[in-house]
Amino acid sequence: MYTDYEVMCKTNIPAFKLRHSIVRRRYSDFEAFRDILERESTRVNIPSLPGKVFTNRFSDEVIESRREGLERFVTIVAGHPLLQTGSKVLCAFLQDPAWDKSQWL
């Protein structure tokens, strides 16, 4: 069992292929995405993700708390001008329903 999160992207930034997209991502996808961003963007301080949860991870409170933390993470990352123009993985993670972390590792 796992939880996945809906990532909705609405943008007018030219670097993004789509103006509106919705994809679903697991927490492990966010971890891989963050690692890839850190490797490709050495000049940018990538924010941390909400911590791993080992108990009650399927409770509504835990899921909502993690969702809020992931939303903060995505908002910061997607709003960073250097990542908007310099990251190869940003647009794919936020918009490609077939995104696969193994393509980037």
C-alpha atoms as a PDB file:
ATOM      1  CA  MET A   1       0.000   0.000   0.000  1.00  0.00           C
ATOM      2  CA  TYR A   2       1.094   3.549  -0.643  1.00  0.00           C
ATOM      3  CA  THR A   3      -0.275   7.056  -0.873  1.00  0.00           C
ATOM      4  CA  ASP A   4       0.093   9.175  -3.961  1.00  0.00           C
ATOM      5  CA  TYR A   5      -0.474  12.889  -4.234  1.00  0.00           C
ATOM      6  CA  GLU A   6      -2.096  14.921  -6.978  1.00  0.00           C
ATOM      7  CA  VAL A   7       0.216  17.606  -8.358  1.00  0.00           C
ATOM      8  CA  MET A   8      -1.685  20.297 -10.230  1.00  0.00           C
ATOM      9  CA  CYS A   9       0.341  22.805 -12.206  1.00  0.00           C
ATOM     10  CA  LYS A  10      -1.093  26.016 -13.625  1.00  0.00           C
ATOM     11  CA  THR A  11       1.485  28.328 -15.145  1.00  0.00           C
ATOM     12  CA  ASN A  12       2.242  30.913 -17.785  1.00  0.00           C
ATOM     13  CA  ILE A  13       6.009  30.399 -17.563  1.00  0.00           C
ATOM     14  CA  PRO A  14       7.406  29.751 -21.064  1.00  0.00           C
ATOM     15  CA  ALA A  15       9.738  26.956 -19.878  1.00  0.00           C
ATOM     16  CA  PHE A  16       6.737  24.736 -19.171  1.00  0.00           C
ATOM     17  CA  LYS A  17       5.236  22.847 -22.114  1.00  0.00           C
ATOM     18  CA  LEU A  18       1.697  22.848 -20.718  1.00  0.00           C
ATOM     19  CA  ARG A  19      -0.281  25.683 -19.151  1.00  0.00           C
ATOM     20  CA  HIS A  20      -2.283  23.251 -17.026  1.00  0.00           C
ATOM     21  CA  SER A  21      -1.459  19.713 -15.952  1.00  0.00           C
ATOM     22  CA  ILE A  22      -2.328  17.175 -13.282  1.00  0.00           C
ATOM     23  CA  VAL A  23      -0.096  14.235 -12.366  1.00  0.00           C
ATOM     24  CA  ARG A  24       0.108  11.846  -9.421  1.00  0.00           C
ATOM     25  CA  ARG A  25       3.328  11.254  -7.465  1.00  0.00           C
ATOM     26  CA  ARG A  26       4.386   9.051  -4.560  1.00  0.00           C
ATOM     27  CA  TYR A  27       6.554  10.333  -1.729  1.00  0.00           C
ATOM     28  CA  SER A  28       9.449   8.260  -3.118  1.00  0.00           C
ATOM     29  CA  ASP A  29       9.062  10.159  -6.410  1.00  0.00           C
ATOM     30  CA  PHE A  30       9.484  13.435  -4.529  1.00  0.00           C
ATOM     31  CA  GLU A  31      12.611  12.042  -2.831  1.00  0.00           C
ATOM     32  CA  ALA A  32      14.133  11.058  -6.173  1.00  0.00           C
ATOM     33  CA  PHE A  33      13.129  14.412  -7.704  1.00  0.00           C
ATOM     34  CA  ARG A  34      14.805  16.303  -4.867  1.00  0.00           C
ATOM     35  CA  ASP A  35      18.003  14.234  -5.223  1.00  0.00           C
ATOM     36  CA  ILE A  36      18.082  14.886  -8.974  1.00  0.00           C
ATOM     37  CA  LEU A  37      17.552  18.628  -8.431  1.00  0.00           C
ATOM     38  CA  GLU A  38      20.413  18.727  -5.933  1.00  0.00           C
ATOM     39  CA  ARG A  39      22.752  17.022  -8.402  1.00  0.00           C
ATOM     40  CA  GLU A  40      21.821  19.182 -11.397  1.00  0.00           C
ATOM     41  CA  SER A  41      21.490  22.537  -9.581  1.00  0.00           C
ATOM     42  CA  THR A  42      24.533  22.991  -7.392  1.00  0.00           C
ATOM     43  CA  ARG A  43      23.992  26.770  -7.165  1.00  0.00           C
ATOM     44  CA  VAL A  44      20.472  26.426  -5.723  1.00  0.00           C
ATOM     45  CA  ASN A  45      19.663  25.431  -2.152  1.00  0.00           C
ATOM     46  CA  ILE A  46      16.938  22.808  -2.600  1.00  0.00           C
ATOM     47  CA  PRO A  47      14.442  22.819   0.289  1.00  0.00           C
ATOM     48  CA  SER A  48      13.885  19.724   2.378  1.00  0.00           C
ATOM     49  CA  LEU A  49      10.893  17.429   2.131  1.00  0.00           C
ATOM     50  CA  PRO A  50       8.577  16.654   5.032  1.00  0.00           C
ATOM     51  CA  GLY A  51      10.050  13.834   7.102  1.00  0.00           C
ATOM     52  CA  LYS A  52       9.467  10.144   6.603  1.00  0.00           C
ATOM     53  CA  VAL A  53       6.606   8.674   8.609  1.00  0.00           C
ATOM     54  CA  PHE A  54       6.827   5.159  10.021  1.00  0.00           C
ATOM     55  CA  THR A  55       3.685   4.912  12.148  1.00  0.00           C
ATOM     56  CA  ASN A  56       0.107   5.820  11.271  1.00  0.00           C
ATOM     57  CA  ARG A  57       1.255   6.791   7.783  1.00  0.00           C
ATOM     58  CA  PHE A  58      -2.194   6.197   6.309  1.00  0.00           C
ATOM     59  CA  SER A  59      -4.082   8.327   8.823  1.00  0.00           C
ATOM     60  CA  ASP A  60      -5.861  11.376   7.423  1.00  0.00           C
ATOM     61  CA  GLU A  61      -3.809  13.699   9.651  1.00  0.00           C
ATOM     62  CA  VAL A  62      -0.456  12.291   8.515  1.00  0.00           C
ATOM     63  CA  ILE A  63      -1.451  12.319   4.841  1.00  0.00           C
ATOM     64  CA  GLU A  64      -2.686  15.911   5.047  1.00  0.00           C
ATOM     65  CA  SER A  65       0.403  17.092   6.930  1.00  0.00           C
ATOM     66  CA  ARG A  66       2.682  15.469   4.375  1.00  0.00           C
ATOM     67  CA  ARG A  67       0.608  16.894   1.497  1.00  0.00           C
ATOM     68  CA  GLU A  68       1.036  20.396   2.931  1.00  0.00           C
ATOM     69  CA  GLY A  69       4.796  19.883   3.241  1.00  0.00           C
ATOM     70  CA  LEU A  70       5.058  18.566  -0.320  1.00  0.00           C
ATOM     71  CA  GLU A  71       3.011  21.506  -1.572  1.00  0.00           C
ATOM     72  CA  ARG A  72       5.393  23.962   0.145  1.00  0.00           C
ATOM     73  CA  PHE A  73       8.345  22.128  -1.413  1.00  0.00           C
ATOM     74  CA  VAL A  74       6.875  22.219  -4.938  1.00  0.00           C
ATOM     75  CA  THR A  75       5.852  25.880  -4.615  1.00  0.00           C
ATOM     76  CA  ILE A  76       9.385  26.913  -3.645  1.00  0.00           C
ATOM     77  CA  VAL A  77      11.091  24.767  -6.275  1.00  0.00           C
ATOM     78  CA  ALA A  78       8.721  25.651  -9.132  1.00  0.00           C
ATOM     79  CA  GLY A  79       8.947  29.346  -8.255  1.00  0.00           C
ATOM     80  CA  HIS A  80      12.748  29.498  -8.327  1.00  0.00           C
ATOM     81  CA  PRO A  81      13.907  31.395 -11.437  1.00  0.00           C
ATOM     82  CA  LEU A  82      17.168  29.431 -11.828  1.00  0.00           C
ATOM     83  CA  LEU A  83      15.312  26.126 -11.686  1.00  0.00           C
ATOM     84  CA  GLN A  84      12.602  27.333 -14.080  1.00  0.00           C
ATOM     85  CA  THR A  85      15.195  28.037 -16.752  1.00  0.00           C
ATOM     86  CA  GLY A  86      18.008  25.623 -15.868  1.00  0.00           C
ATOM     87  CA  SER A  87      16.447  22.409 -14.613  1.00  0.00           C
ATOM     88  CA  LYS A  88      15.854  19.569 -17.039  1.00  0.00           C
ATOM     89  CA  VAL A  89      13.798  17.552 -14.545  1.00  0.00           C
ATOM     90  CA  LEU A  90      11.470  20.256 -13.149  1.00  0.00           C
ATOM     91  CA  CYS A  91       8.948  20.429 -15.993  1.00  0.00           C
ATOM     92  CA  ALA A  92       8.969  16.668 -16.498  1.00  0.00           C
ATOM     93  CA  PHE A  93       8.285  15.970 -12.810  1.00  0.00           C
ATOM     94  CA  LEU A  94       5.465  18.490 -12.609  1.00  0.00           C
ATOM     95  CA  GLN A  95       3.810  17.746 -15.944  1.00  0.00           C
ATOM     96  CA  ASP A  96       4.686  14.346 -17.438  1.00  0.00           C
ATOM     97  CA  PRO A  97       2.240  11.625 -16.325  1.00  0.00           C
ATOM     98  CA  ALA A  98       4.765   8.999 -17.445  1.00  0.00           C
ATOM     99  CA  TRP A  99       7.648  10.509 -15.409  1.00  0.00           C
ATOM    100  CA  ASP A 100       9.922   7.745 -14.187  1.00  0.00           C
ATOM    101  CA  LYS A 101      12.692   8.447 -11.697  1.00  0.00           C
ATOM    102  CA  SER A 102      14.893   5.724 -13.248  1.00  0.00           C
ATOM    103  CA  GLN A 103      15.242   7.893 -16.390  1.00  0.00           C
ATOM    104  CA  TRP A 104      16.999  10.547 -14.306  1.00  0.00           C
ATOM    105  CA  LEU A 105      19.162   8.541 -11.905  1.00  0.00           C
END
